[in-house]
């Protein structure tokens, strides 16, 4: 049977079309992982500690590469215990006012700040953990300079929880860590998100997106591996929190992190909670458990 002219080219054409589609999709994924900063007047329309009748001071400090990072310091002069908040990938410091104000009312100094490219901090292409670890380390340095004998705790959410794990493993000044909705590795969480949207396994596409991110921004999200760092935090305590119904970072991530952590370690899986939703399922119960954890491990080391 004779092959019609052009039919022999069909497989090549289909392969080319799928390659082009895969490249475009991978580039789109890279844009979602590291979007360019966009500022509008709405960035200034946020609640502050003033709305909650909490005293605060707007503070500034510099990242290791010179970017201006902006935060709020909620003071408690009678204590040297400090809680530092670490927000999520697309978040800002005002999103942590709930837990932050509760920790202040419980007697803690609190520092909430914006990562680079978010909120009031200097514009910068957002990364997935890479540069944010340096920003959190700069925040910890600011706390130590302001209060040399500080007993520091960190609470982080989503990407901010992963950043908290990586930074705490490197900085011994952190005495206790709460990590809510962290992921195990950067490539795993990106793959989970892509497969949820496209409903097909596309790990090769995620690898291509990782290469594009490295080309555009000089880092690989696949190198963000909290699961490799969490075991280095001991003997300092880690409190892992995760929603059982998390559709962005499946609950299997926290189970793997807990298995990789060393004592002392705690895990709280919250039924009915979506991604970073434990606070909203039971605000009072959530805040009490977090503060009880910090009370146990920070108050006992106050100078």
Protein backbone atom coordinates (compact mmCIF):
# COMPACT_ATOMS: atom_id res chain seq x y z
CA UNK A 1 0.00 0.00 0.00
CA UNK A 2 1.48 3.32 -1.05
CA UNK A 3 1.97 6.01 1.57
CA UNK A 4 0.27 9.24 0.61
CA UNK A 5 2.60 12.23 0.17
CA UNK A 6 3.02 14.10 3.44
CA UNK A 7 1.78 11.31 5.69
CA UNK A 8 5.32 10.23 6.49
CA UNK A 9 5.92 13.70 7.91
CA UNK A 10 2.97 13.51 10.31
CA UNK A 11 4.85 11.87 13.21
CA UNK A 12 7.58 14.48 12.93
CA UNK A 13 5.03 17.28 12.83
CA UNK A 14 3.21 15.91 15.88
CA UNK A 15 6.50 15.52 17.76
CA UNK A 16 7.42 19.09 16.93
CA UNK A 17 4.01 20.38 18.03
CA UNK A 18 4.20 18.51 21.33
CA UNK A 19 7.76 19.76 21.90
CA UNK A 20 6.66 23.34 21.24
CA UNK A 21 3.65 22.95 23.53
CA UNK A 22 5.87 21.42 26.24
CA UNK A 23 8.35 24.28 25.95
CA UNK A 24 5.62 26.91 26.19
CA UNK A 25 4.06 25.15 29.19
CA UNK A 26 7.44 24.83 30.91
CA UNK A 27 8.09 28.54 30.36
CA UNK A 28 4.67 29.32 31.86
CA UNK A 29 5.51 27.17 34.88
CA UNK A 30 8.79 29.07 35.29
CA UNK A 31 6.86 32.36 35.29
CA UNK A 32 4.57 31.07 38.03
CA UNK A 33 7.53 29.91 40.13
CA UNK A 34 9.48 33.17 39.70
CA UNK A 35 7.12 35.95 38.60
CA UNK A 36 8.43 39.43 37.95
CA UNK A 37 7.51 41.93 40.66
CA UNK A 38 4.50 44.13 39.95
CA UNK A 39 3.70 47.07 42.19
CA UNK A 40 0.38 48.92 42.36
CA UNK A 41 -1.17 51.37 44.79
CA UNK A 42 -3.11 48.45 46.28
CA UNK A 43 0.14 47.17 47.83
CA UNK A 44 -0.16 50.00 50.36
CA UNK A 45 -3.80 49.22 51.19
CA UNK A 46 -3.19 46.70 53.94
CA UNK A 47 -4.01 46.29 57.58
CA UNK A 48 -1.21 47.06 60.01
CA UNK A 49 -0.78 46.33 63.73
CA UNK A 50 -2.48 49.69 64.33
CA UNK A 51 -5.86 48.23 63.37
CA UNK A 52 -5.34 45.59 66.07
CA UNK A 53 -4.30 48.16 68.68
CA UNK A 54 -0.83 46.65 68.84
CA UNK A 55 2.14 49.03 69.13
CA UNK A 56 4.68 48.66 66.35
CA UNK A 57 7.68 50.20 64.68
CA UNK A 58 8.40 50.04 60.95
CA UNK A 59 11.94 48.74 60.56
CA UNK A 60 14.34 48.24 57.68
CA UNK A 61 17.37 46.03 57.19
CA UNK A 62 19.45 44.86 54.25
CA UNK A 63 19.77 41.47 52.60
CA UNK A 64 23.24 40.07 51.95
CA UNK A 65 23.07 41.42 48.39
CA UNK A 66 21.98 44.88 49.50
CA UNK A 67 18.21 44.85 49.02
CA UNK A 68 16.05 46.84 51.43
CA UNK A 69 13.72 44.61 53.43
CA UNK A 70 10.87 46.18 55.40
CA UNK A 71 9.20 44.82 58.50
CA UNK A 72 7.16 45.58 61.61
CA UNK A 73 8.64 45.21 65.08
CA UNK A 74 6.04 44.55 67.77
CA UNK A 75 7.86 45.36 71.02
CA UNK A 76 7.86 43.65 74.40
CA UNK A 77 10.72 45.36 76.27
CA UNK A 78 10.26 43.16 79.32
CA UNK A 79 11.46 40.00 77.54
CA UNK A 80 14.24 38.88 75.21
CA UNK A 81 12.05 36.24 73.50
CA UNK A 82 11.36 37.03 69.84
CA UNK A 83 9.13 35.37 67.24
CA UNK A 84 10.00 35.97 63.57
CA UNK A 85 7.26 35.38 60.98
CA UNK A 86 7.99 33.93 57.53
CA UNK A 87 5.21 34.35 54.95
CA UNK A 88 4.45 32.31 51.84
CA UNK A 89 5.52 32.56 48.20
CA UNK A 90 3.01 35.20 47.11
CA UNK A 91 2.37 36.55 50.61
CA UNK A 92 3.23 39.64 52.65
CA UNK A 93 3.87 40.45 56.27
CA UNK A 94 0.30 41.65 56.92
CA UNK A 95 -0.97 38.11 56.31
CA UNK A 96 0.71 37.05 59.56
CA UNK A 97 -0.96 39.68 61.73
CA UNK A 98 -3.29 37.08 63.26
CA UNK A 99 -0.66 34.79 64.71
CA UNK A 100 1.77 37.69 65.13
CA UNK A 101 -0.56 39.77 67.28
CA UNK A 102 -1.47 36.71 69.35
CA UNK A 103 2.22 36.00 70.03
CA UNK A 104 2.68 39.66 71.02
CA UNK A 105 -0.24 39.49 73.43
CA UNK A 106 1.28 36.30 74.84
CA UNK A 107 4.37 38.33 75.79
CA UNK A 108 6.72 38.00 72.82
CA UNK A 109 8.55 40.53 70.72
CA UNK A 110 7.50 39.88 67.13
CA UNK A 111 9.15 40.65 63.79
CA UNK A 112 7.04 40.38 60.64
CA UNK A 113 8.73 41.34 57.37
CA UNK A 114 8.30 41.21 53.60
CA UNK A 115 10.54 39.01 51.49
CA UNK A 116 12.15 40.62 48.47
CA UNK A 117 9.72 41.44 45.68
CA UNK A 118 6.75 41.45 48.07
CA UNK A 119 4.97 44.10 50.10
CA UNK A 120 7.12 47.09 50.96
CA UNK A 121 10.50 45.45 50.38
CA UNK A 122 12.59 46.26 47.31
CA UNK A 123 11.39 44.85 43.98
CA UNK A 124 13.02 41.63 42.88
CA UNK A 125 11.89 38.59 40.86
CA UNK A 126 10.34 36.23 43.37
CA UNK A 127 12.20 32.96 43.82
CA UNK A 128 11.10 29.69 45.36
CA UNK A 129 13.13 29.59 48.59
CA UNK A 130 16.52 30.40 47.03
CA UNK A 131 16.93 34.12 47.82
CA UNK A 132 14.35 34.04 50.59
CA UNK A 133 16.62 31.95 52.80
CA UNK A 134 19.17 34.78 52.64
CA UNK A 135 16.40 37.27 53.51
CA UNK A 136 15.35 35.29 56.59
CA UNK A 137 18.98 35.02 57.67
CA UNK A 138 19.20 38.82 57.34
CA UNK A 139 16.09 39.18 59.52
CA UNK A 140 17.66 36.94 62.17
CA UNK A 141 20.80 39.03 62.07
CA UNK A 142 18.71 42.17 62.55
CA UNK A 143 17.10 40.63 65.64
CA UNK A 144 20.50 39.71 67.11
CA UNK A 145 21.84 43.21 66.49
CA UNK A 146 18.80 44.77 68.10
CA UNK A 147 18.71 42.29 70.98
CA UNK A 148 22.02 40.42 71.35
CA UNK A 149 20.68 37.97 73.94
CA UNK A 150 17.48 37.18 72.03
CA UNK A 151 15.86 33.78 72.35
CA UNK A 152 14.49 33.45 68.81
CA UNK A 153 11.65 31.36 67.46
CA UNK A 154 10.51 31.23 63.82
CA UNK A 155 7.05 30.46 62.45
CA UNK A 156 6.67 29.96 58.71
CA UNK A 157 3.90 29.13 56.27
CA UNK A 158 4.11 27.22 52.97
CA UNK A 159 7.25 28.44 51.20
CA UNK A 160 7.99 30.43 54.36
CA UNK A 161 7.94 27.17 56.32
CA UNK A 162 10.41 25.60 53.90
CA UNK A 163 12.58 28.72 54.18
CA UNK A 164 12.32 28.42 57.96
CA UNK A 165 13.61 24.84 57.88
CA UNK A 166 16.56 25.71 55.65
CA UNK A 167 17.50 28.88 57.55
CA UNK A 168 17.14 27.26 61.00
CA UNK A 169 19.43 24.43 59.92
CA UNK A 170 22.07 27.07 59.10
CA UNK A 171 21.54 29.57 61.94
CA UNK A 172 22.00 28.30 65.48
CA UNK A 173 20.41 31.44 66.94
CA UNK A 174 16.97 29.99 66.20
CA UNK A 175 15.91 28.05 69.30
CA UNK A 176 12.56 26.69 68.05
CA UNK A 177 10.75 26.38 64.69
CA UNK A 178 7.09 26.07 63.71
CA UNK A 179 6.68 25.02 60.05
CA UNK A 180 3.11 25.07 58.73
CA UNK A 181 2.43 23.46 55.32
CA UNK A 182 6.04 23.06 54.21
CA UNK A 183 7.02 20.99 51.20
CA UNK A 184 9.77 18.38 51.05
CA UNK A 185 11.54 19.59 47.89
CA UNK A 186 11.01 22.35 45.34
CA UNK A 187 10.66 20.06 42.35
CA UNK A 188 8.15 17.84 44.16
CA UNK A 189 5.83 20.71 45.06
CA UNK A 190 6.04 22.18 41.54
CA UNK A 191 5.34 18.75 40.04
CA UNK A 192 2.36 18.28 42.38
CA UNK A 193 0.94 21.64 41.28
CA UNK A 194 1.47 21.01 37.56
CA UNK A 195 -0.06 17.55 37.68
CA UNK A 196 -3.07 18.86 39.58
CA UNK A 197 -3.78 21.52 36.92
CA UNK A 198 -2.99 19.46 33.80
CA UNK A 199 -4.02 16.10 35.28
CA UNK A 200 -1.15 14.23 33.65
CA UNK A 201 2.29 13.31 34.99
CA UNK A 202 4.73 15.85 33.58
CA UNK A 203 7.96 15.43 35.55
CA UNK A 204 10.10 16.03 32.40
CA UNK A 205 8.26 19.33 31.93
CA UNK A 206 9.08 20.33 35.50
CA UNK A 207 12.74 19.54 34.83
CA UNK A 208 12.62 21.79 31.76
CA UNK A 209 10.97 24.56 33.80
CA UNK A 210 13.77 24.19 36.35
CA UNK A 211 16.32 24.75 33.59
CA UNK A 212 14.43 27.82 32.34
CA UNK A 213 14.29 29.28 35.87
CA UNK A 214 18.05 28.74 36.19
CA UNK A 215 18.59 30.51 32.86
CA UNK A 216 16.33 33.44 33.77
CA UNK A 217 17.11 33.89 37.47
CA UNK A 218 20.27 31.96 38.27
CA UNK A 219 18.89 29.36 40.65
CA UNK A 220 17.19 25.94 40.49
CA UNK A 221 14.06 25.31 42.51
CA UNK A 222 15.03 21.63 42.52
CA UNK A 223 17.89 22.56 44.86
CA UNK A 224 15.43 23.66 47.55
CA UNK A 225 15.34 20.52 49.69
CA UNK A 226 14.01 21.08 53.23
CA UNK A 227 13.82 17.32 53.69
CA UNK A 228 17.64 17.16 53.55
CA UNK A 229 18.05 19.98 56.09
CA UNK A 230 15.42 19.24 58.73
CA UNK A 231 17.50 16.56 60.44
CA UNK A 232 20.26 19.12 61.05
CA UNK A 233 18.06 21.26 63.31
CA UNK A 234 18.20 18.91 66.30
CA UNK A 235 18.58 19.17 69.25
CA UNK A 236 16.48 22.29 68.69
CA UNK A 237 12.74 21.48 68.46
CA UNK A 238 10.58 21.48 65.34
CA UNK A 239 6.77 21.67 65.34
CA UNK A 240 5.31 20.58 61.97
CA UNK A 241 1.71 21.51 61.11
CA UNK A 242 -0.23 20.48 58.01
CA UNK A 243 -3.79 20.29 56.75
CA UNK A 244 -4.94 16.78 55.95
CA UNK A 245 -6.94 18.15 53.00
CA UNK A 246 -4.10 20.27 51.58
CA UNK A 247 -4.51 20.24 47.79
CA UNK A 248 -1.41 22.32 47.04
CA UNK A 249 1.17 20.52 49.20
CA UNK A 250 -0.23 17.03 49.93
CA UNK A 251 -0.09 15.83 53.51
CA UNK A 252 2.47 13.17 52.54
CA UNK A 253 5.06 15.97 52.53
CA UNK A 254 4.74 16.60 56.27
CA UNK A 255 4.88 12.88 56.99
CA UNK A 256 8.16 12.62 55.10
CA UNK A 257 9.53 15.71 56.85
CA UNK A 258 8.57 14.31 60.25
CA UNK A 259 10.29 11.02 59.43
CA UNK A 260 13.45 12.91 58.41
CA UNK A 261 13.45 15.16 61.50
CA UNK A 262 15.12 14.22 64.77
CA UNK A 263 13.90 14.65 68.33
CA UNK A 264 12.52 16.82 69.72
CA UNK A 265 9.87 16.93 67.02
CA UNK A 266 6.11 17.31 66.97
CA UNK A 267 3.58 16.95 64.16
CA UNK A 268 -0.04 18.11 64.05
CA UNK A 269 -2.16 17.00 61.09
CA UNK A 270 -5.39 19.01 61.07
CA UNK A 271 -8.47 17.31 59.55
CA UNK A 272 -10.54 19.49 57.25
CA UNK A 273 -7.75 22.02 56.74
CA UNK A 274 -6.63 23.14 53.29
CA UNK A 275 -3.23 24.65 52.52
CA UNK A 276 -2.17 26.84 55.47
CA UNK A 277 -5.73 26.50 56.73
CA UNK A 278 -5.11 25.16 60.23
CA UNK A 279 -5.27 28.65 61.70
CA UNK A 280 -8.72 29.20 60.20
CA UNK A 281 -10.17 25.86 61.29
CA UNK A 282 -9.71 26.81 64.96
CA UNK A 283 -8.02 30.17 65.49
CA UNK A 284 -7.97 29.98 69.28
CA UNK A 285 -6.80 26.38 69.47
CA UNK A 286 -4.17 26.94 66.81
CA UNK A 287 -2.70 30.01 68.46
CA UNK A 288 -2.67 28.38 71.88
CA UNK A 289 -0.78 25.33 70.63
CA UNK A 290 1.81 27.46 68.83
CA UNK A 291 2.38 29.68 71.88
CA UNK A 292 2.55 26.69 74.21
CA UNK A 293 5.30 25.28 72.00
CA UNK A 294 7.26 28.52 72.08
CA UNK A 295 6.66 28.91 75.83
CA UNK A 296 8.16 25.48 76.43
CA UNK A 297 11.28 26.01 74.36
CA UNK A 298 11.94 29.78 74.45
CA UNK A 299 10.86 30.93 77.91
CA UNK A 300 13.12 28.38 79.54
CA UNK A 301 16.18 29.90 77.83
CA UNK A 302 15.47 33.58 78.45
CA UNK A 303 18.47 35.39 79.85
